[in-house]
Amino acid sequence: MVARESERRHNLGKIKAIRHKIKAARHKVRKMTGIKGRLRIAPTLNEGRAAVLSRFTGALVRAFMIMVLITTPSVLLPGVTADGKQMVALVALFAGILTFVEYNAAYPGLIEFRDAPPYNRTRFLMLLVIVFFLSIMSRSQIAPSTLARLFEAVGLLVGQALDFPYSPVRLITLTLADDSTRNHMLMVRSAAGVAYLSSIIALAIFSLLLRIYDWPTQNGAFNVWTNLPMFDPTAGGDVVVRLERDARFNLALGFLLPFLIPAVVKFGGMGLGAIDLHYAPTLVWLIAIWAFLPASLFMRGIAMTRIAGMIRSKRDRNAEQAVPGYFPA
């Protein structure tokens, strides 16, 4: 019995050795011919399809929201001509297609921080709130209603509170033509006050969200190439130094732009007095862009500052692990 058991074990060992040699020879042949072994790809395909479907749906929703944003003034404000509505619809369609293509693509294009919420979401909501509020305020002059009158009253209070010497709101009112009516001046002041206050509140909320959710590391690794497609890390110099320099430039420009735009408009010989209340959508977009651009630059500066800090912290941790007794300065 013992001899039979020993012989059986010996035969099993030979069989295993032969199988191992066959597998090694098969792997060698496949490597030489370039033929890969058959893999189980069903889970991978399912995950890939789910990711593609999720990206497609997200891009479609974002495109629709951009179209809603662009068409909001022309829909809420009466008196817009048919040609004006067609032009707005064309611009909205173009912006929606561009947004869909950017977010549906697997590789980055022009939009920054597309995979790092809530950067773009906060900017979009800020602009949507400003455009909606200003559209309802302008509607009170054309088609009065209870809601429009309420928004107008709030706008008058905000504009009056922010209309102090050397404030951006005061500078906006100074760009008006000398023959502007008082009603027009109050409307522009209210719109500028509401837009500027909304941008400040959006900045505060954005900074709070970054601190609460520890952005941008809450979603795992941060891909600089995907979220900063226009930033070339290999252009020369230290990446952290360049990010901090760009961040300081964006912060400074975001702070100065509300003051520089009215000054450039005034000294350039242009004025907002030519904009009549009949063209309220134009007034809405001018004031909205005047408030949105500085806040957007400020958000970009804050985001790049945090990215630079994240890269520096990772470098310090790697250096501390590589060199015993190292303490970062």
Foldseek 3Di string as FASTA:
>chain_A
DVVVVVVVVVVVVVVVVVVVVVVVVVVVVCVVVVNDDDDPCVVVVVVVVVVLVVLQVVLQVVLVLQLCQQCVLVVLAPLQDPVRNVVSNVVSNVSSVVSSVQSNDPAHDPAACSVFPDLVVLLSVLLSVLLNLLSLCLNCVVPNDPVSVVSVVVLLVQLVVQCDPPGLLVLQLVQADPPADPVVSSSLSSSLRVSQVSLVVSLVVLVVVCVVCVPPPNVHDDDCCRRPVVDDCPPDDHNLVVLLVLLVVLLVCLVCQSVVVSVCCRVVVHGPNVDDSSPSVVSSVVSSCSSSRSSSSNSSSVNSNSVSVVVVVVVQVVVCVVDPPDDDD
